[in-house]
C-alpha atoms as a PDB file:
ATOM      1  CA  UNK A   1      23.384  -9.283  -2.875  1.00  0.00           C
ATOM      2  CA  UNK A   2      20.500 -11.747  -3.040  1.00  0.00           C
ATOM      3  CA  UNK A   3      17.383 -10.572  -4.856  1.00  0.00           C
ATOM      4  CA  UNK A   4      14.081 -11.762  -6.326  1.00  0.00           C
ATOM      5  CA  UNK A   5      13.755 -10.412  -9.857  1.00  0.00           C
ATOM      6  CA  UNK A   6      12.413 -10.970 -13.348  1.00  0.00           C
ATOM      7  CA  UNK A   7      14.193 -11.155 -16.703  1.00  0.00           C
ATOM      8  CA  UNK A   8      10.961 -11.366 -18.681  1.00  0.00           C
ATOM      9  CA  UNK A   9       7.325 -10.482 -18.100  1.00  0.00           C
ATOM     10  CA  UNK A  10       4.821 -13.144 -17.123  1.00  0.00           C
ATOM     11  CA  UNK A  11       3.115 -14.764 -14.157  1.00  0.00           C
ATOM     12  CA  UNK A  12       4.686 -15.098 -10.714  1.00  0.00           C
ATOM     13  CA  UNK A  13       6.504 -18.202 -11.945  1.00  0.00           C
ATOM     14  CA  UNK A  14       8.965 -16.049 -13.948  1.00  0.00           C
ATOM     15  CA  UNK A  15      10.458 -14.676 -10.734  1.00  0.00           C
ATOM     16  CA  UNK A  16      14.056 -15.748 -10.100  1.00  0.00           C
ATOM     17  CA  UNK A  17      16.117 -15.730  -6.915  1.00  0.00           C
ATOM     18  CA  UNK A  18      19.826 -15.098  -7.210  1.00  0.00           C
ATOM     19  CA  UNK A  19      22.719 -12.646  -6.993  1.00  0.00           C
ATOM     20  CA  UNK A  20      22.747  -9.100  -8.365  1.00  0.00           C
ATOM     21  CA  UNK A  21      25.283  -6.285  -7.846  1.00  0.00           C
ATOM     22  CA  UNK A  22      25.239  -4.263  -4.624  1.00  0.00           C
ATOM     23  CA  UNK A  23      24.153  -0.614  -5.001  1.00  0.00           C
ATOM     24  CA  UNK A  24      26.247   2.421  -4.069  1.00  0.00           C
ATOM     25  CA  UNK A  25      24.831   5.722  -2.808  1.00  0.00           C
ATOM     26  CA  UNK A  26      24.735   8.684  -5.175  1.00  0.00           C
ATOM     27  CA  UNK A  27      24.772  12.194  -3.694  1.00  0.00           C
ATOM     28  CA  UNK A  28      21.658  12.660  -1.596  1.00  0.00           C
ATOM     29  CA  UNK A  29      21.105   8.921  -1.232  1.00  0.00           C
ATOM     30  CA  UNK A  30      21.608   6.309   1.466  1.00  0.00           C
ATOM     31  CA  UNK A  31      22.086   2.573   1.091  1.00  0.00           C
ATOM     32  CA  UNK A  32      19.743   0.569   3.301  1.00  0.00           C
ATOM     33  CA  UNK A  33      20.375  -3.041   4.284  1.00  0.00           C
ATOM     34  CA  UNK A  34      16.847  -4.391   4.054  1.00  0.00           C
ATOM     35  CA  UNK A  35      15.515  -6.395   6.989  1.00  0.00           C
ATOM     36  CA  UNK A  36      11.951  -6.723   5.700  1.00  0.00           C
ATOM     37  CA  UNK A  37      10.065  -5.878   2.497  1.00  0.00           C
ATOM     38  CA  UNK A  38       6.365  -6.264   1.834  1.00  0.00           C
ATOM     39  CA  UNK A  39       4.321  -7.597  -1.078  1.00  0.00           C
ATOM     40  CA  UNK A  40       1.867  -5.138  -2.612  1.00  0.00           C
ATOM     41  CA  UNK A  41      -0.865  -5.445  -5.213  1.00  0.00           C
ATOM     42  CA  UNK A  42       1.236  -3.585  -7.769  1.00  0.00           C
ATOM     43  CA  UNK A  43       4.004  -6.206  -7.655  1.00  0.00           C
ATOM     44  CA  UNK A  44       2.292  -8.923  -9.681  1.00  0.00           C
ATOM     45  CA  UNK A  45       1.265  -6.249 -12.196  1.00  0.00           C
ATOM     46  CA  UNK A  46       4.921  -5.230 -12.593  1.00  0.00           C
ATOM     47  CA  UNK A  47       5.751  -8.900 -13.062  1.00  0.00           C
ATOM     48  CA  UNK A  48       3.068  -9.205 -15.759  1.00  0.00           C
ATOM     49  CA  UNK A  49       4.337  -6.151 -17.622  1.00  0.00           C
ATOM     50  CA  UNK A  50       1.461  -3.806 -16.807  1.00  0.00           C
ATOM     51  CA  UNK A  51       4.063  -1.313 -15.573  1.00  0.00           C
ATOM     52  CA  UNK A  52       6.923  -1.257 -18.060  1.00  0.00           C
ATOM     53  CA  UNK A  53      10.591  -0.834 -17.124  1.00  0.00           C
ATOM     54  CA  UNK A  54      13.368   0.226 -19.494  1.00  0.00           C
ATOM     55  CA  UNK A  55      15.310  -3.016 -19.150  1.00  0.00           C
ATOM     56  CA  UNK A  56      15.880  -6.247 -17.278  1.00  0.00           C
ATOM     57  CA  UNK A  57      16.542  -7.503 -14.688  1.00  0.00           C
ATOM     58  CA  UNK A  58      13.746  -5.877 -12.684  1.00  0.00           C
ATOM     59  CA  UNK A  59      13.653  -6.375  -8.938  1.00  0.00           C
ATOM     60  CA  UNK A  60      10.090  -6.228  -7.622  1.00  0.00           C
ATOM     61  CA  UNK A  61       8.870  -4.439  -4.500  1.00  0.00           C
ATOM     62  CA  UNK A  62       8.224  -0.889  -3.377  1.00  0.00           C
ATOM     63  CA  UNK A  63       8.484  -0.629   0.408  1.00  0.00           C
ATOM     64  CA  UNK A  64      11.002  -1.730   3.015  1.00  0.00           C
ATOM     65  CA  UNK A  65      12.416  -1.400   6.492  1.00  0.00           C
ATOM     66  CA  UNK A  66      16.082  -1.765   7.349  1.00  0.00           C
ATOM     67  CA  UNK A  67      19.335  -0.216   8.531  1.00  0.00           C
ATOM     68  CA  UNK A  68      21.406   2.493   6.833  1.00  0.00           C
ATOM     69  CA  UNK A  69      24.745   0.979   5.796  1.00  0.00           C
ATOM     70  CA  UNK A  70      26.214   3.773   3.619  1.00  0.00           C
ATOM     71  CA  UNK A  71      25.592   7.496   3.212  1.00  0.00           C
ATOM     72  CA  UNK A  72      26.112   9.540   0.055  1.00  0.00           C
ATOM     73  CA  UNK A  73      27.394  13.080  -0.214  1.00  0.00           C
ATOM     74  CA  UNK A  74      25.107  15.861   0.998  1.00  0.00           C
ATOM     75  CA  UNK A  75      23.147  13.633   3.404  1.00  0.00           C
ATOM     76  CA  UNK A  76      23.163  15.312   6.811  1.00  0.00           C
ATOM     77  CA  UNK A  77      20.146  13.921   8.670  1.00  0.00           C
ATOM     78  CA  UNK A  78      20.782  10.165   8.468  1.00  0.00           C
ATOM     79  CA  UNK A  79      23.834   8.147   9.466  1.00  0.00           C
ATOM     80  CA  UNK A  80      25.125   4.592   9.263  1.00  0.00           C
ATOM     81  CA  UNK A  81      23.270   2.441  11.771  1.00  0.00           C
ATOM     82  CA  UNK A  82      19.976   4.352  11.669  1.00  0.00           C
ATOM     83  CA  UNK A  83      16.901   2.124  11.472  1.00  0.00           C
ATOM     84  CA  UNK A  84      14.641   3.443   8.724  1.00  0.00           C
ATOM     85  CA  UNK A  85      11.598   2.572   6.646  1.00  0.00           C
ATOM     86  CA  UNK A  86      10.069   3.933   3.489  1.00  0.00           C
ATOM     87  CA  UNK A  87       8.731   3.579  -0.033  1.00  0.00           C
ATOM     88  CA  UNK A  88      10.810   3.833  -3.214  1.00  0.00           C
ATOM     89  CA  UNK A  89      10.491   6.823  -5.512  1.00  0.00           C
ATOM     90  CA  UNK A  90       7.331   6.980  -7.649  1.00  0.00           C
ATOM     91  CA  UNK A  91       7.603   4.665 -10.645  1.00  0.00           C
ATOM     92  CA  UNK A  92      10.494   2.709  -9.174  1.00  0.00           C
ATOM     93  CA  UNK A  93      10.562  -0.919  -8.006  1.00  0.00           C
ATOM     94  CA  UNK A  94      13.329  -2.823  -6.288  1.00  0.00           C
ATOM     95  CA  UNK A  95      12.925  -3.837  -2.621  1.00  0.00           C
ATOM     96  CA  UNK A  96      12.839  -7.637  -2.985  1.00  0.00           C
ATOM     97  CA  UNK A  97      16.556  -7.693  -2.205  1.00  0.00           C
ATOM     98  CA  UNK A  98      19.183  -7.259   0.491  1.00  0.00           C
ATOM     99  CA  UNK A  99      20.249  -3.668  -0.291  1.00  0.00           C
ATOM    100  CA  UNK A 100      18.782  -0.559  -1.930  1.00  0.00           C
ATOM    101  CA  UNK A 101      19.993   2.952  -2.673  1.00  0.00           C
ATOM    102  CA  UNK A 102      17.274   5.540  -2.104  1.00  0.00           C
ATOM    103  CA  UNK A 103      16.905   9.296  -1.740  1.00  0.00           C
ATOM    104  CA  UNK A 104      17.450  10.145   1.910  1.00  0.00           C
ATOM    105  CA  UNK A 105      14.749  12.827   1.909  1.00  0.00           C
ATOM    106  CA  UNK A 106      11.927  10.301   1.454  1.00  0.00           C
ATOM    107  CA  UNK A 107      13.153   7.880   4.141  1.00  0.00           C
ATOM    108  CA  UNK A 108      11.933   8.091   7.746  1.00  0.00           C
ATOM    109  CA  UNK A 109      13.490   6.830  10.941  1.00  0.00           C
ATOM    110  CA  UNK A 110      11.718   3.726  12.203  1.00  0.00           C
ATOM    111  CA  UNK A 111      10.275   4.089  15.699  1.00  0.00           C
ATOM    112  CA  UNK A 112      11.975   1.741  18.151  1.00  0.00           C
ATOM    113  CA  UNK A 113       8.596   0.370  19.228  1.00  0.00           C
ATOM    114  CA  UNK A 114       7.816  -0.759  15.671  1.00  0.00           C
ATOM    115  CA  UNK A 115       9.499  -3.890  14.319  1.00  0.00           C
ATOM    116  CA  UNK A 116      10.986  -3.932  10.824  1.00  0.00           C
ATOM    117  CA  UNK A 117       8.275  -6.379   9.730  1.00  0.00           C
ATOM    118  CA  UNK A 118       5.489  -4.151  11.039  1.00  0.00           C
ATOM    119  CA  UNK A 119       7.042  -0.996   9.589  1.00  0.00           C
ATOM    120  CA  UNK A 120       7.186  -2.393   6.060  1.00  0.00           C
ATOM    121  CA  UNK A 121       3.694  -3.851   6.419  1.00  0.00           C
ATOM    122  CA  UNK A 122       2.430  -0.307   6.972  1.00  0.00           C
ATOM    123  CA  UNK A 123       4.637   1.711   4.627  1.00  0.00           C
ATOM    124  CA  UNK A 124       3.037   1.711   1.160  1.00  0.00           C
ATOM    125  CA  UNK A 125      -0.422   0.721   2.396  1.00  0.00           C
ATOM    126  CA  UNK A 126      -0.415   3.550   4.912  1.00  0.00           C
ATOM    127  CA  UNK A 127       1.019   6.060   2.473  1.00  0.00           C
ATOM    128  CA  UNK A 128      -1.631   5.179  -0.112  1.00  0.00           C
ATOM    129  CA  UNK A 129      -4.468   5.368   2.409  1.00  0.00           C
ATOM    130  CA  UNK A 130      -3.332   8.742   3.740  1.00  0.00           C
ATOM    131  CA  UNK A 131      -2.968  10.198   0.246  1.00  0.00           C
ATOM    132  CA  UNK A 132      -6.418   8.898  -0.736  1.00  0.00           C
ATOM    133  CA  UNK A 133      -8.483   9.568   2.391  1.00  0.00           C
ATOM    134  CA  UNK A 134      -6.868  12.712   3.783  1.00  0.00           C
ATOM    135  CA  UNK A 135      -5.227  14.413   0.814  1.00  0.00           C
ATOM    136  CA  UNK A 136      -7.517  13.451  -2.086  1.00  0.00           C
ATOM    137  CA  UNK A 137     -10.983  12.827  -0.641  1.00  0.00           C
ATOM    138  CA  UNK A 138     -10.360  15.294   2.214  1.00  0.00           C
ATOM    139  CA  UNK A 139     -12.669  13.239   4.415  1.00  0.00           C
ATOM    140  CA  UNK A 140     -14.226  15.152   7.311  1.00  0.00           C
ATOM    141  CA  UNK A 141     -15.746  14.256  10.651  1.00  0.00           C
ATOM    142  CA  UNK A 142     -19.430  13.388  10.346  1.00  0.00           C
ATOM    143  CA  UNK A 143     -19.205  12.222   6.727  1.00  0.00           C
ATOM    144  CA  UNK A 144     -19.951   8.693   5.514  1.00  0.00           C
ATOM    145  CA  UNK A 145     -17.466   6.794   3.345  1.00  0.00           C
ATOM    146  CA  UNK A 146     -17.776   3.464   1.520  1.00  0.00           C
ATOM    147  CA  UNK A 147     -14.440   1.632   1.361  1.00  0.00           C
ATOM    148  CA  UNK A 148     -14.446  -1.191  -1.171  1.00  0.00           C
ATOM    149  CA  UNK A 149     -12.447  -4.358  -0.403  1.00  0.00           C
ATOM    150  CA  UNK A 150     -11.999  -3.726   3.311  1.00  0.00           C
ATOM    151  CA  UNK A 151      -9.751  -6.651   4.225  1.00  0.00           C
ATOM    152  CA  UNK A 152      -6.867  -5.613   1.964  1.00  0.00           C
ATOM    153  CA  UNK A 153      -3.891  -3.775   3.389  1.00  0.00           C
ATOM    154  CA  UNK A 154      -4.676  -0.299   2.009  1.00  0.00           C
ATOM    155  CA  UNK A 155      -8.408  -0.532   2.721  1.00  0.00           C
ATOM    156  CA  UNK A 156      -7.892  -1.806   6.278  1.00  0.00           C
ATOM    157  CA  UNK A 157      -5.605   1.138   7.017  1.00  0.00           C
ATOM    158  CA  UNK A 158      -8.148   3.479   5.387  1.00  0.00           C
ATOM    159  CA  UNK A 159     -10.974   2.158   7.561  1.00  0.00           C
ATOM    160  CA  UNK A 160      -9.040   2.958  10.712  1.00  0.00           C
ATOM    161  CA  UNK A 161      -7.907   6.338   9.414  1.00  0.00           C
ATOM    162  CA  UNK A 162     -11.472   7.287   8.453  1.00  0.00           C
ATOM    163  CA  UNK A 163     -12.745   6.343  11.914  1.00  0.00           C
ATOM    164  CA  UNK A 164      -9.911   8.353  13.477  1.00  0.00           C
ATOM    165  CA  UNK A 165     -11.048  11.356  11.434  1.00  0.00           C
ATOM    166  CA  UNK A 166     -14.582  10.947  12.776  1.00  0.00           C
ATOM    167  CA  UNK A 167     -16.318   9.489   9.731  1.00  0.00           C
ATOM    168  CA  UNK A 168     -18.887   6.699   9.491  1.00  0.00           C
ATOM    169  CA  UNK A 169     -17.422   3.762   7.588  1.00  0.00           C
ATOM    170  CA  UNK A 170     -19.179   1.230   5.379  1.00  0.00           C
ATOM    171  CA  UNK A 171     -17.058  -1.487   3.784  1.00  0.00           C
ATOM    172  CA  UNK A 172     -17.367  -4.599   1.630  1.00  0.00           C
ATOM    173  CA  UNK A 173     -15.723  -7.961   2.297  1.00  0.00           C
ATOM    174  CA  UNK A 174     -16.371 -11.683   2.280  1.00  0.00           C
ATOM    175  CA  UNK A 175     -18.116 -13.054   5.363  1.00  0.00           C
ATOM    176  CA  UNK A 176     -14.886 -14.623   6.627  1.00  0.00           C
ATOM    177  CA  UNK A 177     -13.401 -11.166   7.191  1.00  0.00           C
ATOM    178  CA  UNK A 178     -16.336  -9.473   8.914  1.00  0.00           C
ATOM    179  CA  UNK A 179     -15.084 -10.044  12.467  1.00  0.00           C
ATOM    180  CA  UNK A 180     -11.686  -8.613  11.539  1.00  0.00           C
ATOM    181  CA  UNK A 181     -13.230  -5.498  10.017  1.00  0.00           C
ATOM    182  CA  UNK A 182     -15.493  -5.016  13.017  1.00  0.00           C
ATOM    183  CA  UNK A 183     -12.370  -4.968  15.173  1.00  0.00           C
ATOM    184  CA  UNK A 184     -10.966  -2.228  12.943  1.00  0.00           C
ATOM    185  CA  UNK A 185     -14.054  -0.114  13.607  1.00  0.00           C
ATOM    186  CA  UNK A 186     -16.174  -0.491  10.463  1.00  0.00           C
ATOM    187  CA  UNK A 187     -19.755   0.593  11.178  1.00  0.00           C
ATOM    188  CA  UNK A 188     -21.404  -1.478   8.439  1.00  0.00           C
ATOM    189  CA  UNK A 189     -19.946  -4.479   6.605  1.00  0.00           C
ATOM    190  CA  UNK A 190     -21.508  -5.870   3.438  1.00  0.00           C
ATOM    191  CA  UNK A 191     -20.874  -9.405   2.218  1.00  0.00           C
ATOM    192  CA  UNK A 192     -20.249  -8.692  -1.457  1.00  0.00           C
ATOM    193  CA  UNK A 193     -20.823 -12.359  -2.335  1.00  0.00           C
ATOM    194  CA  UNK A 194     -24.373 -12.292  -0.942  1.00  0.00           C
ATOM    195  CA  UNK A 195     -25.495  -8.668  -1.311  1.00  0.00           C
ATOM    196  CA  UNK A 196     -25.352  -6.076  -4.079  1.00  0.00           C
ATOM    197  CA  UNK A 197     -23.913  -3.067  -2.289  1.00  0.00           C
ATOM    198  CA  UNK A 198     -25.814  -0.672  -4.557  1.00  0.00           C
ATOM    199  CA  UNK A 199     -29.081  -2.005  -3.082  1.00  0.00           C
ATOM    200  CA  UNK A 200     -28.170  -1.286   0.542  1.00  0.00           C
ATOM    201  CA  UNK A 201     -25.891   1.777   0.330  1.00  0.00           C
ATOM    202  CA  UNK A 202     -26.903   5.241  -0.868  1.00  0.00           C
ATOM    203  CA  UNK A 203     -26.179   8.926  -0.433  1.00  0.00           C
ATOM    204  CA  UNK A 204     -22.607   8.545   0.881  1.00  0.00           C
ATOM    205  CA  UNK A 205     -20.227  11.482   0.879  1.00  0.00           C
ATOM    206  CA  UNK A 206     -17.225   9.556  -0.418  1.00  0.00           C
ATOM    207  CA  UNK A 207     -16.084   6.238  -1.861  1.00  0.00           C
ATOM    208  CA  UNK A 208     -12.583   4.795  -1.725  1.00  0.00           C
ATOM    209  CA  UNK A 209     -12.280   1.888  -4.169  1.00  0.00           C
ATOM    210  CA  UNK A 210      -9.421  -0.607  -3.929  1.00  0.00           C
ATOM    211  CA  UNK A 211     -11.069  -3.305  -6.074  1.00  0.00           C
ATOM    212  CA  UNK A 212     -11.463  -1.908  -9.585  1.00  0.00           C
ATOM    213  CA  UNK A 213     -13.464  -3.310 -12.494  1.00  0.00           C
ATOM    214  CA  UNK A 214     -17.257  -3.279 -12.294  1.00  0.00           C
ATOM    215  CA  UNK A 215     -17.119  -2.490  -8.573  1.00  0.00           C
ATOM    216  CA  UNK A 216     -15.424   0.811  -9.341  1.00  0.00           C
ATOM    217  CA  UNK A 217     -18.022   1.836 -11.930  1.00  0.00           C
ATOM    218  CA  UNK A 218     -20.948   0.814  -9.737  1.00  0.00           C
ATOM    219  CA  UNK A 219     -19.539   2.859  -6.857  1.00  0.00           C
ATOM    220  CA  UNK A 220     -20.698   6.078  -8.520  1.00  0.00           C
ATOM    221  CA  UNK A 221     -24.312   4.972  -7.964  1.00  0.00           C
ATOM    222  CA  UNK A 222     -24.133   5.258  -4.178  1.00  0.00           C
ATOM    223  CA  UNK A 223     -22.686   8.782  -3.986  1.00  0.00           C
ATOM    224  CA  UNK A 224     -24.795  11.757  -2.995  1.00  0.00           C
ATOM    225  CA  UNK A 225     -24.850  14.716  -5.405  1.00  0.00           C
ATOM    226  CA  UNK A 226     -21.497  16.441  -5.045  1.00  0.00           C
ATOM    227  CA  UNK A 227     -19.936  13.283  -3.641  1.00  0.00           C
ATOM    228  CA  UNK A 228     -16.418  12.244  -4.537  1.00  0.00           C
ATOM    229  CA  UNK A 229     -14.750   8.899  -5.217  1.00  0.00           C
ATOM    230  CA  UNK A 230     -11.072   7.919  -5.242  1.00  0.00           C
ATOM    231  CA  UNK A 231      -9.749   4.906  -7.166  1.00  0.00           C
ATOM    232  CA  UNK A 232      -6.428   3.058  -6.889  1.00  0.00           C
ATOM    233  CA  UNK A 233      -7.242  -0.166  -8.787  1.00  0.00           C
ATOM    234  CA  UNK A 234      -8.445   1.270 -12.095  1.00  0.00           C
ATOM    235  CA  UNK A 235      -5.137   2.194 -13.701  1.00  0.00           C
ATOM    236  CA  UNK A 236      -3.384   5.556 -13.850  1.00  0.00           C
ATOM    237  CA  UNK A 237      -6.605   7.472 -14.578  1.00  0.00           C
ATOM    238  CA  UNK A 238      -9.782   7.506 -12.506  1.00  0.00           C
ATOM    239  CA  UNK A 239     -12.805   5.975 -14.270  1.00  0.00           C
ATOM    240  CA  UNK A 240     -15.263   8.405 -15.826  1.00  0.00           C
ATOM    241  CA  UNK A 241     -18.583   8.626 -13.969  1.00  0.00           C
ATOM    242  CA  UNK A 242     -21.862   8.149 -15.824  1.00  0.00           C
ATOM    243  CA  UNK A 243     -23.348  11.099 -13.921  1.00  0.00           C
ATOM    244  CA  UNK A 244     -22.234  14.708 -13.910  1.00  0.00           C
ATOM    245  CA  UNK A 245     -22.853  15.577 -10.271  1.00  0.00           C
ATOM    246  CA  UNK A 246     -20.006  13.573  -8.688  1.00  0.00           C
ATOM    247  CA  UNK A 247     -16.220  13.818  -8.717  1.00  0.00           C
ATOM    248  CA  UNK A 248     -13.879  10.988  -9.771  1.00  0.00           C
ATOM    249  CA  UNK A 249     -10.299  11.153  -8.493  1.00  0.00           C
ATOM    250  CA  UNK A 250      -7.040   9.219  -8.829  1.00  0.00           C
ATOM    251  CA  UNK A 251      -4.824   9.812  -5.761  1.00  0.00           C
ATOM    252  CA  UNK A 252      -1.233  10.813  -6.417  1.00  0.00           C
ATOM    253  CA  UNK A 253       0.751   8.729  -3.947  1.00  0.00           C
ATOM    254  CA  UNK A 254       3.694  11.084  -3.527  1.00  0.00           C
ATOM    255  CA  UNK A 255       6.614  10.059  -1.338  1.00  0.00           C
ATOM    256  CA  UNK A 256       7.890  12.166   1.515  1.00  0.00           C
ATOM    257  CA  UNK A 257       9.154  11.801   5.063  1.00  0.00           C
ATOM    258  CA  UNK A 258       6.276  13.644   6.793  1.00  0.00           C
ATOM    259  CA  UNK A 259       3.728  11.141   5.454  1.00  0.00           C
ATOM    260  CA  UNK A 260       5.773   8.225   6.801  1.00  0.00           C
ATOM    261  CA  UNK A 261       6.052   9.990  10.140  1.00  0.00           C
ATOM    262  CA  UNK A 262       2.269  10.407  10.062  1.00  0.00           C
ATOM    263  CA  UNK A 263       1.926   6.626   9.698  1.00  0.00           C
ATOM    264  CA  UNK A 264       4.215   6.060  12.671  1.00  0.00           C
ATOM    265  CA  UNK A 265       2.256   8.555  14.776  1.00  0.00           C
ATOM    266  CA  UNK A 266      -1.092   6.926  13.938  1.00  0.00           C
ATOM    267  CA  UNK A 267       0.300   3.593  15.106  1.00  0.00           C
ATOM    268  CA  UNK A 268       1.902   5.084  18.216  1.00  0.00           C
ATOM    269  CA  UNK A 269      -1.365   6.642  19.350  1.00  0.00           C
ATOM    270  CA  UNK A 270      -3.336   3.460  18.672  1.00  0.00           C
ATOM    271  CA  UNK A 271      -5.441   4.997  15.911  1.00  0.00           C
ATOM    272  CA  UNK A 272      -4.152   2.335  13.493  1.00  0.00           C
ATOM    273  CA  UNK A 273      -3.236  -1.257  14.276  1.00  0.00           C
ATOM    274  CA  UNK A 274      -0.557  -3.268  12.534  1.00  0.00           C
ATOM    275  CA  UNK A 275      -2.290  -5.716  10.147  1.00  0.00           C
ATOM    276  CA  UNK A 276      -2.006  -9.493  10.384  1.00  0.00           C
ATOM    277  CA  UNK A 277       1.255 -10.503   8.692  1.00  0.00           C
ATOM    278  CA  UNK A 278       2.246 -13.698   6.895  1.00  0.00           C
ATOM    279  CA  UNK A 279       6.026 -14.077   6.603  1.00  0.00           C
ATOM    280  CA  UNK A 280       8.017 -15.478   3.678  1.00  0.00           C
ATOM    281  CA  UNK A 281      11.644 -15.969   2.805  1.00  0.00           C
ATOM    282  CA  UNK A 282      12.850 -13.937  -0.168  1.00  0.00           C
ATOM    283  CA  UNK A 283      13.530 -17.184  -1.997  1.00  0.00           C
ATOM    284  CA  UNK A 284       9.778 -17.899  -1.807  1.00  0.00           C
ATOM    285  CA  UNK A 285       8.841 -14.867  -3.904  1.00  0.00           C
ATOM    286  CA  UNK A 286       6.998 -16.967  -6.499  1.00  0.00           C
ATOM    287  CA  UNK A 287       4.596 -18.250  -3.856  1.00  0.00           C
ATOM    288  CA  UNK A 288       4.117 -14.865  -2.172  1.00  0.00           C
ATOM    289  CA  UNK A 289       3.400 -12.957  -5.381  1.00  0.00           C
ATOM    290  CA  UNK A 290       1.045 -15.730  -6.485  1.00  0.00           C
ATOM    291  CA  UNK A 291      -0.967 -15.360  -3.289  1.00  0.00           C
ATOM    292  CA  UNK A 292      -1.086 -11.600  -3.752  1.00  0.00           C
ATOM    293  CA  UNK A 293      -2.288 -11.955  -7.333  1.00  0.00           C
ATOM    294  CA  UNK A 294      -5.188 -14.184  -6.188  1.00  0.00           C
ATOM    295  CA  UNK A 295      -6.285 -11.199  -4.041  1.00  0.00           C
ATOM    296  CA  UNK A 296      -8.185 -13.204  -1.427  1.00  0.00           C
ATOM    297  CA  UNK A 297      -6.074 -12.378   1.593  1.00  0.00           C
ATOM    298  CA  UNK A 298      -6.289 -10.529   4.885  1.00  0.00           C
ATOM    299  CA  UNK A 299      -3.528  -8.232   6.043  1.00  0.00           C
ATOM    300  CA  UNK A 300      -0.046  -8.246   4.563  1.00  0.00           C
ATOM    301  CA  UNK A 301       2.543 -10.595   3.067  1.00  0.00           C
ATOM    302  CA  UNK A 302       6.067  -9.705   4.166  1.00  0.00           C
ATOM    303  CA  UNK A 303       9.545 -10.992   3.268  1.00  0.00           C
ATOM    304  CA  UNK A 304      11.884 -11.402   6.244  1.00  0.00           C
ATOM    305  CA  UNK A 305      15.063 -10.623   4.325  1.00  0.00           C
ATOM    306  CA  UNK A 306      17.447 -10.633   7.307  1.00  0.00           C
END
């Protein structure tokens, strides 16, 4: 099969495109012929060696949409020909390729109304947003949340999810993305290049940070006493607050079929829109991962594999 992979750690330029062996399904697994796979913020970090793997080659990528082409023993609820989408097991990479073997229990059937490109554009971003906003922050109707870095894939999904839950949403983004975020339902949008968010935001119930660095640390300042913050761009552990009356959390982005079905239902009902997508060929992985690493993008980058 064709794949985009690394044989050493480094910048996006170390990515290679070539042939690797086809996978076979173990018991409880299916093989999926990938139609589309998306680029996520973790991918360039894997490439750089921030997430270590036991050996090379390492195929990048975590989410996908495609068609089941083989079924392992003990799989009863999926069959060859089923259109599915999903996210690889926690700690595993490997969707920048034509075929993957994956545990059937964490794969969901793709709704017919959702294209393969749109399904993969929503898979990991949606899963992360649901785990952070619903499961970790437990956001409630009537609360106010600050979502840092609103134009990114996870944050954009989170904005829509928070509005669907009945919350008031404040977000940060460059001026070029304000119209887009208004369309998603954000109540207040702060141009982070022109305004210090800590000067105009205060007493919020929750913060969801997708940016990291100084932005993450400063986010504690705007929480009300008893407020909680969730972080996905500050490493495996949530940063420690400099005040004792707030809660700092690192969402566990567990994989399961019900969460993927929740994503599909949110899209079906119109609560969440599919993000703007920029398509690439798998052979253009160096360019795509480079764009992702630069971080100044709106929506999602997706490989059209087949």
